[in-house]
Protein backbone atom coordinates (compact mmCIF):
# COMPACT_ATOMS: atom_id res chain seq x y z
CA MET A 1 16.62 -14.09 13.47
CA GLY A 2 14.49 -12.01 11.16
CA THR A 3 11.05 -11.55 9.68
CA TYR A 4 10.05 -13.98 6.99
CA TYR A 5 6.79 -14.10 5.09
CA ARG A 6 5.11 -17.38 4.31
CA LEU A 7 2.67 -17.41 1.41
CA TYR A 8 -0.21 -19.85 1.63
CA LYS A 9 -1.71 -22.04 -1.06
CA GLY A 10 -3.75 -20.03 -3.57
CA ASP A 11 -1.48 -16.99 -3.36
CA VAL A 12 1.52 -17.80 -5.52
CA MET A 13 3.93 -14.90 -4.89
CA GLY A 14 1.06 -12.43 -4.53
CA GLN A 15 -0.47 -13.07 -7.96
CA ASN A 16 -3.99 -13.16 -6.53
CA ARG A 17 -3.66 -9.71 -4.99
CA SER A 18 -4.56 -7.60 -8.01
CA ALA A 19 -8.30 -7.27 -7.27
CA GLN A 20 -7.74 -5.31 -4.07
CA PHE A 21 -5.35 -2.94 -5.84
CA VAL A 22 -7.52 -2.44 -8.91
CA LEU A 23 -10.69 -1.74 -6.91
CA SER A 24 -8.94 0.63 -4.49
CA PHE A 25 -7.07 2.45 -7.26
CA ALA A 26 -10.24 2.80 -9.39
CA GLY A 27 -12.11 4.10 -6.34
CA GLY A 28 -9.36 6.67 -5.73
CA ILE A 29 -9.46 7.79 -9.38
CA ILE A 30 -13.26 8.22 -9.27
CA ILE A 31 -13.03 10.13 -5.96
CA LEU A 32 -10.38 12.37 -7.54
CA ILE A 33 -12.60 12.94 -10.59
CA GLY A 34 -15.40 13.95 -8.22
CA GLY A 35 -13.03 16.45 -6.62
CA ILE A 36 -12.06 17.82 -10.05
CA VAL A 37 -15.75 18.23 -10.98
CA SER A 38 -16.24 20.08 -7.70
CA LEU A 39 -13.24 22.28 -8.53
CA LEU A 40 -14.68 23.08 -11.95
CA TRP A 41 -17.99 23.93 -10.31
CA LEU A 42 -16.10 26.27 -7.99
CA VAL A 43 -14.12 27.98 -10.76
CA ILE A 44 -16.82 28.30 -13.42
CA ASP A 45 -19.67 30.65 -12.58
CA PHE A 46 -22.81 29.03 -13.90
CA PRO A 47 -25.87 31.17 -14.59
CA PRO A 48 -28.54 30.85 -11.87
CA SER A 49 -30.90 29.09 -14.27
CA PHE A 50 -28.36 26.25 -14.76
CA ASP A 51 -27.06 26.05 -11.17
CA PRO A 52 -28.84 23.19 -9.32
CA LEU A 53 -27.56 24.57 -6.01
CA ALA A 54 -28.94 28.08 -6.61
CA ASP A 55 -31.57 27.66 -3.88
CA LEU A 56 -28.93 26.59 -1.34
CA ARG A 57 -26.75 29.53 -2.42
CA ASN A 58 -29.65 31.95 -1.78
CA ILE A 59 -30.49 30.40 1.60
CA ILE A 60 -27.00 30.45 3.17
CA GLY A 61 -25.58 33.43 1.30
CA GLU A 62 -22.88 33.75 -1.36
CA GLN A 63 -19.91 34.00 1.03
CA GLU A 64 -20.88 30.98 3.13
CA PHE A 65 -21.73 28.97 0.01
CA ARG A 66 -18.29 29.72 -1.50
CA SER A 67 -16.62 28.60 1.75
CA PHE A 68 -18.67 25.39 1.71
CA GLN A 69 -17.68 24.77 -1.91
CA ILE A 70 -13.95 25.24 -1.18
CA ARG A 71 -14.05 22.76 1.74
CA TYR A 72 -15.99 20.30 -0.39
CA THR A 73 -13.44 20.57 -3.22
CA VAL A 74 -10.37 20.22 -0.96
CA ALA A 75 -11.92 17.16 0.72
CA GLY A 76 -12.61 15.50 -2.64
CA LEU A 77 -9.21 16.19 -4.12
CA SER A 78 -7.18 15.27 -1.04
CA SER A 79 -9.07 12.07 -0.25
CA GLY A 80 -8.87 10.97 -3.90
CA VAL A 81 -5.09 11.48 -3.98
CA ALA A 82 -4.70 9.77 -0.59
CA VAL A 83 -6.69 6.68 -1.68
CA ILE A 84 -4.61 6.46 -4.89
CA LEU A 85 -1.31 6.70 -2.98
CA THR A 86 -2.45 4.19 -0.36
CA SER A 87 -3.54 1.71 -3.04
CA LEU A 88 -0.11 2.07 -4.67
CA MET A 89 1.49 1.27 -1.31
CA LEU A 90 -0.79 -1.75 -1.12
CA LYS A 91 0.60 -2.91 -4.46
CA MET A 92 4.23 -2.27 -3.49
CA ARG A 93 4.02 -3.75 0.03
CA PRO A 94 1.52 -6.61 0.01
CA GLN A 95 2.89 -7.97 3.30
CA GLU A 96 1.33 -4.92 5.00
CA SER A 97 -2.02 -5.30 3.26
CA LYS A 98 -4.01 -5.16 6.50
CA ARG A 99 -2.58 -1.73 7.33
CA TRP A 100 -3.17 -0.36 3.82
CA GLY A 101 -6.66 -1.90 3.66
CA ILE A 102 -7.70 -0.15 6.88
CA MET A 103 -6.29 3.15 5.63
CA ILE A 104 -8.09 2.79 2.28
CA ILE A 105 -11.41 2.16 4.03
CA VAL A 106 -10.98 5.15 6.37
CA LEU A 107 -9.96 7.48 3.52
CA SER A 108 -12.80 6.25 1.32
CA VAL A 109 -15.34 6.90 4.07
CA MET A 110 -13.83 10.35 4.62
CA SER A 111 -14.25 11.09 0.92
CA ILE A 112 -17.99 11.50 1.52
CA LEU A 113 -17.07 15.01 2.71
CA GLY A 114 -16.08 15.73 -0.88
CA MET A 115 -18.90 13.95 -2.71
CA GLY A 116 -17.29 10.52 -2.30
CA GLY A 117 -16.53 10.15 -5.98
CA PHE A 118 -20.24 10.21 -6.80
CA ILE A 119 -20.63 7.60 -4.00
CA PHE A 120 -19.42 4.94 -6.49
CA GLY A 121 -15.73 5.77 -5.89
CA MET A 122 -16.22 5.55 -2.14
CA ALA A 123 -17.92 2.14 -2.51
CA LEU A 124 -15.09 0.79 -4.69
CA GLY A 125 -12.49 2.00 -2.19
CA ILE A 126 -14.30 0.37 0.72
CA ILE A 127 -14.64 -2.94 -1.16
CA GLY A 128 -10.96 -2.89 -2.21
CA GLY A 129 -9.86 -2.12 1.36
CA ALA A 130 -12.06 -4.91 2.74
CA ILE A 131 -10.55 -7.41 0.29
CA ALA A 132 -7.06 -6.26 1.31
CA ILE A 133 -7.88 -6.91 4.97
CA MET A 134 -9.41 -10.31 4.21
CA ARG A 135 -6.44 -11.40 2.13
CA SER A 136 -3.92 -10.19 4.70
CA LYS A 137 -4.60 -13.42 6.57
CA SER A 138 -3.13 -15.39 3.65
CA LEU A 139 0.26 -13.81 4.32
CA GLU A 140 1.49 -14.85 7.74
CA ILE A 141 4.47 -13.21 9.41
CA VAL A 142 6.73 -15.85 10.90
CA GLU A 143 9.54 -15.12 13.36
CA GLU A 144 11.85 -18.11 13.10
CA GLU A 145 15.15 -19.40 11.85
CA PRO A 146 15.34 -19.34 8.06
CA LEU A 147 15.20 -22.66 6.28
CA LYS A 148 18.69 -23.86 5.43
CA THR A 149 19.41 -24.34 1.76
CA GLU A 150 21.98 -26.75 0.38
CA ALA A 151 24.56 -23.93 0.20
CA MET A 152 24.01 -23.09 3.86
CA LYS A 153 24.40 -26.75 4.84
CA VAL A 154 27.73 -26.90 3.00
CA VAL A 155 28.97 -23.75 4.76
CA ALA A 156 27.91 -25.18 8.11
CA GLU A 157 29.60 -28.54 7.50
CA VAL A 158 32.99 -27.16 6.49
CA LYS A 159 34.79 -26.51 9.77
CA VAL A 160 38.45 -25.51 9.58
CA PRO A 161 40.53 -24.56 12.61
CA GLU A 162 41.00 -20.79 12.96
CA LYS A 163 44.78 -21.03 13.41
CA LEU A 164 45.38 -21.98 9.76
CA ASN A 165 44.73 -18.37 8.63
CA MET A 166 42.13 -19.49 6.14
CA ILE A 167 40.33 -16.95 3.99
CA TYR A 168 36.63 -17.61 3.66
CA LYS A 169 35.01 -16.39 0.45
CA CYS A 170 31.34 -16.08 -0.46
CA SER A 171 30.84 -17.88 -3.75
CA SER A 172 27.91 -15.63 -4.71
CA CYS A 173 29.46 -12.18 -4.30
CA ASN A 174 33.22 -12.91 -3.94
CA ILE A 175 33.61 -11.12 -0.61
CA GLU A 176 36.38 -12.42 1.67
CA PHE A 177 35.96 -13.03 5.41
CA LYS A 178 38.39 -13.86 8.20
CA SER A 179 36.28 -16.47 9.95
CA ASP A 180 33.67 -19.08 9.31
CA GLU A 181 31.25 -17.21 11.59
CA GLU A 182 31.58 -13.96 9.57
CA LEU A 183 30.85 -15.86 6.36
CA ARG A 184 27.86 -17.59 7.95
CA GLN A 185 26.44 -14.26 9.18
CA HIS A 186 26.96 -12.74 5.70
CA VAL A 187 25.13 -15.64 4.01
CA ILE A 188 22.23 -15.38 6.44
CA ARG A 189 22.01 -11.58 6.20
CA MET A 190 22.55 -11.11 2.47
CA HIS A 191 21.45 -14.28 0.74
CA MET A 192 18.77 -15.83 2.93
CA GLU A 193 16.44 -12.82 3.31
CA ARG A 194 13.93 -12.25 0.55
């Protein structure tokens, strides 16, 4: 009838899922900080005596070096923001943790194009994504009939002939229905899904 998620022992309503979020989010922040440092390096003209990349600048030329620096900065900033947003989606939609974990790992590996958050941010993102993938197995998607609660059993047991012009009313939200079947569908659709 619908998609239901069954949580396994050791994962009480997703309480044990904070490590994957914290590691991925921290990795994204560090990758973003690496991109900001790269941006500052691009904007501020350091004297040649202080610039550790002065030799590289002289070898490839000023124009090519500036182009390299811009690509490096954009890669760091964009991958940092993407890892942060993906880790937030991991927090908001834990039932899709495998998808978000894979995306976090891919984006973290791609962050190496922009310094990888001093490599430490990339490592945190990869670890957080791996934990998300591992823990996705503790949340199984089950396609089956929902479990009937006591209220659903009562609705199912009360059968009144249609010709009596009965009005069926949902006791939870006070909506009226013309038939028992409409009420049953409403209860399943509105009150049984989580």
